Amino acid sequence: MTIPMICICAVMALSPIAGDQVRLYVDEQPLVQQSVCAVADDAIVVGILSEPIFSRSERDAFVKTLAQSVRERFGKPVYVTLDTDLYYRISKCGDADAENIRAIAKLIAQRSANGYARSDRT
């Protein structure tokens, strides 16, 4: 017996978002070599290891476009960083560690104000 595709989509829409779902989506994007993701009730944090991007404007556009794409797909505020220190921190926290995820999101937002990374909170 096969399940109609409509039913499968409805089940996926009702299930909570997991970091692995986000990671699989992000890994399909151009320039992404590897990613780590963690999801809390109110935020998604994404660490990216990308192919070399030498221009700051290209790097900023890449991060902004990726953040918008993830937000549109999963419907939560998204914080994206290319910072390897934050990439490591994201890789060590799980989806159940909401307090740590919020702290990382705050760090990404702070560093974006200083020009180190960009976040998309709208």
C-alpha atoms as a PDB file:
ATOM      1  CA  MET A   1       0.000   0.000   0.000  1.00  0.00           C
ATOM      2  CA  THR A   2       1.420   3.362  -0.945  1.00  0.00           C
ATOM      3  CA  ILE A   3       0.804   6.543   1.009  1.00  0.00           C
ATOM      4  CA  PRO A   4      -0.252   9.511  -1.098  1.00  0.00           C
ATOM      5  CA  MET A   5       2.332  12.313  -1.244  1.00  0.00           C
ATOM      6  CA  ILE A   6      -0.153  14.777   0.248  1.00  0.00           C
ATOM      7  CA  CYS A   7      -0.295  12.809   3.501  1.00  0.00           C
ATOM      8  CA  ILE A   8       3.494  12.658   3.742  1.00  0.00           C
ATOM      9  CA  CYS A   9       3.764  16.424   3.320  1.00  0.00           C
ATOM     10  CA  ALA A  10       1.126  17.005   6.001  1.00  0.00           C
ATOM     11  CA  VAL A  11       3.025  14.841   8.489  1.00  0.00           C
ATOM     12  CA  MET A  12       6.290  16.664   7.745  1.00  0.00           C
ATOM     13  CA  ALA A  13       4.623  20.053   8.275  1.00  0.00           C
ATOM     14  CA  LEU A  14       3.318  19.013  11.698  1.00  0.00           C
ATOM     15  CA  SER A  15       6.557  17.492  12.965  1.00  0.00           C
ATOM     16  CA  PRO A  16       9.068  19.677  14.793  1.00  0.00           C
ATOM     17  CA  ILE A  17      12.059  20.942  12.844  1.00  0.00           C
ATOM     18  CA  ALA A  18      15.299  19.088  13.577  1.00  0.00           C
ATOM     19  CA  GLY A  19      18.835  20.314  13.025  1.00  0.00           C
ATOM     20  CA  ASP A  20      19.443  17.439  10.604  1.00  0.00           C
ATOM     21  CA  GLN A  21      16.557  18.581   8.383  1.00  0.00           C
ATOM     22  CA  VAL A  22      18.034  22.068   8.209  1.00  0.00           C
ATOM     23  CA  ARG A  23      21.553  20.715   7.615  1.00  0.00           C
ATOM     24  CA  LEU A  24      20.412  18.565   4.688  1.00  0.00           C
ATOM     25  CA  TYR A  25      18.714  21.590   3.131  1.00  0.00           C
ATOM     26  CA  VAL A  26      21.733  23.868   3.696  1.00  0.00           C
ATOM     27  CA  ASP A  27      24.210  21.298   2.354  1.00  0.00           C
ATOM     28  CA  GLU A  28      22.367  21.348  -0.996  1.00  0.00           C
ATOM     29  CA  GLN A  29      23.019  25.085  -1.446  1.00  0.00           C
ATOM     30  CA  PRO A  30      25.765  26.347  -3.774  1.00  0.00           C
ATOM     31  CA  LEU A  31      29.168  27.109  -2.203  1.00  0.00           C
ATOM     32  CA  VAL A  32      28.383  25.089   0.946  1.00  0.00           C
ATOM     33  CA  GLN A  33      30.947  22.380   1.586  1.00  0.00           C
ATOM     34  CA  GLN A  34      29.731  21.428   5.052  1.00  0.00           C
ATOM     35  CA  SER A  35      27.306  22.761   7.629  1.00  0.00           C
ATOM     36  CA  VAL A  36      26.172  22.260  11.204  1.00  0.00           C
ATOM     37  CA  CYS A  37      22.759  23.337  12.426  1.00  0.00           C
ATOM     38  CA  ALA A  38      20.888  23.476  15.702  1.00  0.00           C
ATOM     39  CA  VAL A  39      17.251  24.372  16.227  1.00  0.00           C
ATOM     40  CA  ALA A  40      15.546  25.873  19.273  1.00  0.00           C
ATOM     41  CA  ASP A  41      11.892  26.842  19.582  1.00  0.00           C
ATOM     42  CA  ASP A  42      12.661  30.423  18.607  1.00  0.00           C
ATOM     43  CA  ALA A  43      15.809  30.269  16.442  1.00  0.00           C
ATOM     44  CA  ILE A  44      17.915  28.263  14.019  1.00  0.00           C
ATOM     45  CA  VAL A  45      21.708  28.634  14.078  1.00  0.00           C
ATOM     46  CA  VAL A  46      23.746  27.541  11.075  1.00  0.00           C
ATOM     47  CA  GLY A  47      27.519  27.267  10.832  1.00  0.00           C
ATOM     48  CA  ILE A  48      28.974  27.034   7.335  1.00  0.00           C
ATOM     49  CA  LEU A  49      32.243  25.828   5.893  1.00  0.00           C
ATOM     50  CA  SER A  50      32.097  27.178   2.367  1.00  0.00           C
ATOM     51  CA  GLU A  51      34.133  27.102  -0.766  1.00  0.00           C
ATOM     52  CA  PRO A  52      36.541  30.061  -0.821  1.00  0.00           C
ATOM     53  CA  ILE A  53      34.747  33.398  -1.138  1.00  0.00           C
ATOM     54  CA  PHE A  54      37.323  36.140  -1.442  1.00  0.00           C
ATOM     55  CA  SER A  55      35.167  39.250  -1.741  1.00  0.00           C
ATOM     56  CA  ARG A  56      33.522  40.526   1.421  1.00  0.00           C
ATOM     57  CA  SER A  57      30.482  41.705  -0.538  1.00  0.00           C
ATOM     58  CA  GLU A  58      30.073  38.236  -2.087  1.00  0.00           C
ATOM     59  CA  ARG A  59      30.471  36.621   1.340  1.00  0.00           C
ATOM     60  CA  ASP A  60      27.859  38.947   2.877  1.00  0.00           C
ATOM     61  CA  ALA A  61      25.441  38.356  -0.011  1.00  0.00           C
ATOM     62  CA  PHE A  62      25.936  34.575   0.283  1.00  0.00           C
ATOM     63  CA  VAL A  63      25.178  34.579   4.025  1.00  0.00           C
ATOM     64  CA  LYS A  64      22.169  36.865   3.640  1.00  0.00           C
ATOM     65  CA  THR A  65      20.699  34.835   0.771  1.00  0.00           C
ATOM     66  CA  LEU A  66      21.231  31.574   2.641  1.00  0.00           C
ATOM     67  CA  ALA A  67      19.625  32.941   5.811  1.00  0.00           C
ATOM     68  CA  GLN A  68      16.597  34.162   3.859  1.00  0.00           C
ATOM     69  CA  SER A  69      16.248  30.822   2.085  1.00  0.00           C
ATOM     70  CA  VAL A  70      16.387  28.840   5.337  1.00  0.00           C
ATOM     71  CA  ARG A  71      13.933  31.229   7.038  1.00  0.00           C
ATOM     72  CA  GLU A  72      11.465  30.916   4.143  1.00  0.00           C
ATOM     73  CA  ARG A  73      11.769  27.124   4.178  1.00  0.00           C
ATOM     74  CA  PHE A  74      11.507  26.546   7.953  1.00  0.00           C
ATOM     75  CA  GLY A  75       9.694  29.666   9.201  1.00  0.00           C
ATOM     76  CA  LYS A  76      11.954  30.610  12.107  1.00  0.00           C
ATOM     77  CA  PRO A  77      14.540  33.336  12.671  1.00  0.00           C
ATOM     78  CA  VAL A  78      17.872  32.157  11.282  1.00  0.00           C
ATOM     79  CA  TYR A  79      21.419  33.042  12.310  1.00  0.00           C
ATOM     80  CA  VAL A  80      24.122  32.069   9.806  1.00  0.00           C
ATOM     81  CA  THR A  81      27.854  32.338  10.338  1.00  0.00           C
ATOM     82  CA  LEU A  82      31.060  31.499   8.500  1.00  0.00           C
ATOM     83  CA  ASP A  83      33.040  31.870  11.752  1.00  0.00           C
ATOM     84  CA  THR A  84      34.863  28.591  12.470  1.00  0.00           C
ATOM     85  CA  ASP A  85      34.819  29.139  16.259  1.00  0.00           C
ATOM     86  CA  LEU A  86      31.036  29.400  16.197  1.00  0.00           C
ATOM     87  CA  TYR A  87      30.852  26.481  13.742  1.00  0.00           C
ATOM     88  CA  TYR A  88      32.610  24.359  16.374  1.00  0.00           C
ATOM     89  CA  ARG A  89      30.266  25.563  19.154  1.00  0.00           C
ATOM     90  CA  ILE A  90      27.197  24.786  17.049  1.00  0.00           C
ATOM     91  CA  SER A  91      28.555  21.300  16.309  1.00  0.00           C
ATOM     92  CA  LYS A  92      28.847  20.597  20.053  1.00  0.00           C
ATOM     93  CA  CYS A  93      25.300  21.608  21.004  1.00  0.00           C
ATOM     94  CA  GLY A  94      22.196  19.604  20.238  1.00  0.00           C
ATOM     95  CA  ASP A  95      18.668  20.669  19.414  1.00  0.00           C
ATOM     96  CA  ALA A  96      17.675  20.082  23.046  1.00  0.00           C
ATOM     97  CA  ASP A  97      20.166  22.698  24.283  1.00  0.00           C
ATOM     98  CA  ALA A  98      17.944  25.752  23.668  1.00  0.00           C
ATOM     99  CA  GLU A  99      19.861  28.000  26.082  1.00  0.00           C
ATOM    100  CA  ASN A 100      23.166  27.391  24.289  1.00  0.00           C
ATOM    101  CA  ILE A 101      21.522  27.861  20.872  1.00  0.00           C
ATOM    102  CA  ARG A 102      20.168  31.263  21.995  1.00  0.00           C
ATOM    103  CA  ALA A 103      23.625  32.219  23.296  1.00  0.00           C
ATOM    104  CA  ILE A 104      25.221  31.324  19.949  1.00  0.00           C
ATOM    105  CA  ALA A 105      22.516  33.266  18.079  1.00  0.00           C
ATOM    106  CA  LYS A 106      23.285  36.274  20.277  1.00  0.00           C
ATOM    107  CA  LEU A 107      27.022  35.930  19.509  1.00  0.00           C
ATOM    108  CA  ILE A 108      26.335  35.777  15.770  1.00  0.00           C
ATOM    109  CA  ALA A 109      24.169  38.902  16.029  1.00  0.00           C
ATOM    110  CA  GLN A 110      26.867  40.721  18.034  1.00  0.00           C
ATOM    111  CA  ARG A 111      29.595  39.768  15.605  1.00  0.00           C
ATOM    112  CA  SER A 112      27.432  40.826  12.674  1.00  0.00           C
ATOM    113  CA  ALA A 113      27.240  44.302  14.210  1.00  0.00           C
ATOM    114  CA  ASN A 114      31.061  44.300  14.216  1.00  0.00           C
ATOM    115  CA  GLY A 115      31.316  43.001  10.650  1.00  0.00           C
ATOM    116  CA  TYR A 116      32.331  39.401  11.424  1.00  0.00           C
ATOM    117  CA  ALA A 117      29.181  37.578  10.396  1.00  0.00           C
ATOM    118  CA  ARG A 118      25.623  38.307   9.358  1.00  0.00           C
ATOM    119  CA  SER A 119      22.322  37.275  10.879  1.00  0.00           C
ATOM    120  CA  ASP A 120      18.830  37.438   9.526  1.00  0.00           C
ATOM    121  CA  ARG A 121      16.190  37.998  12.182  1.00  0.00           C
ATOM    122  CA  THR A 122      13.288  39.488  10.237  1.00  0.00           C
END
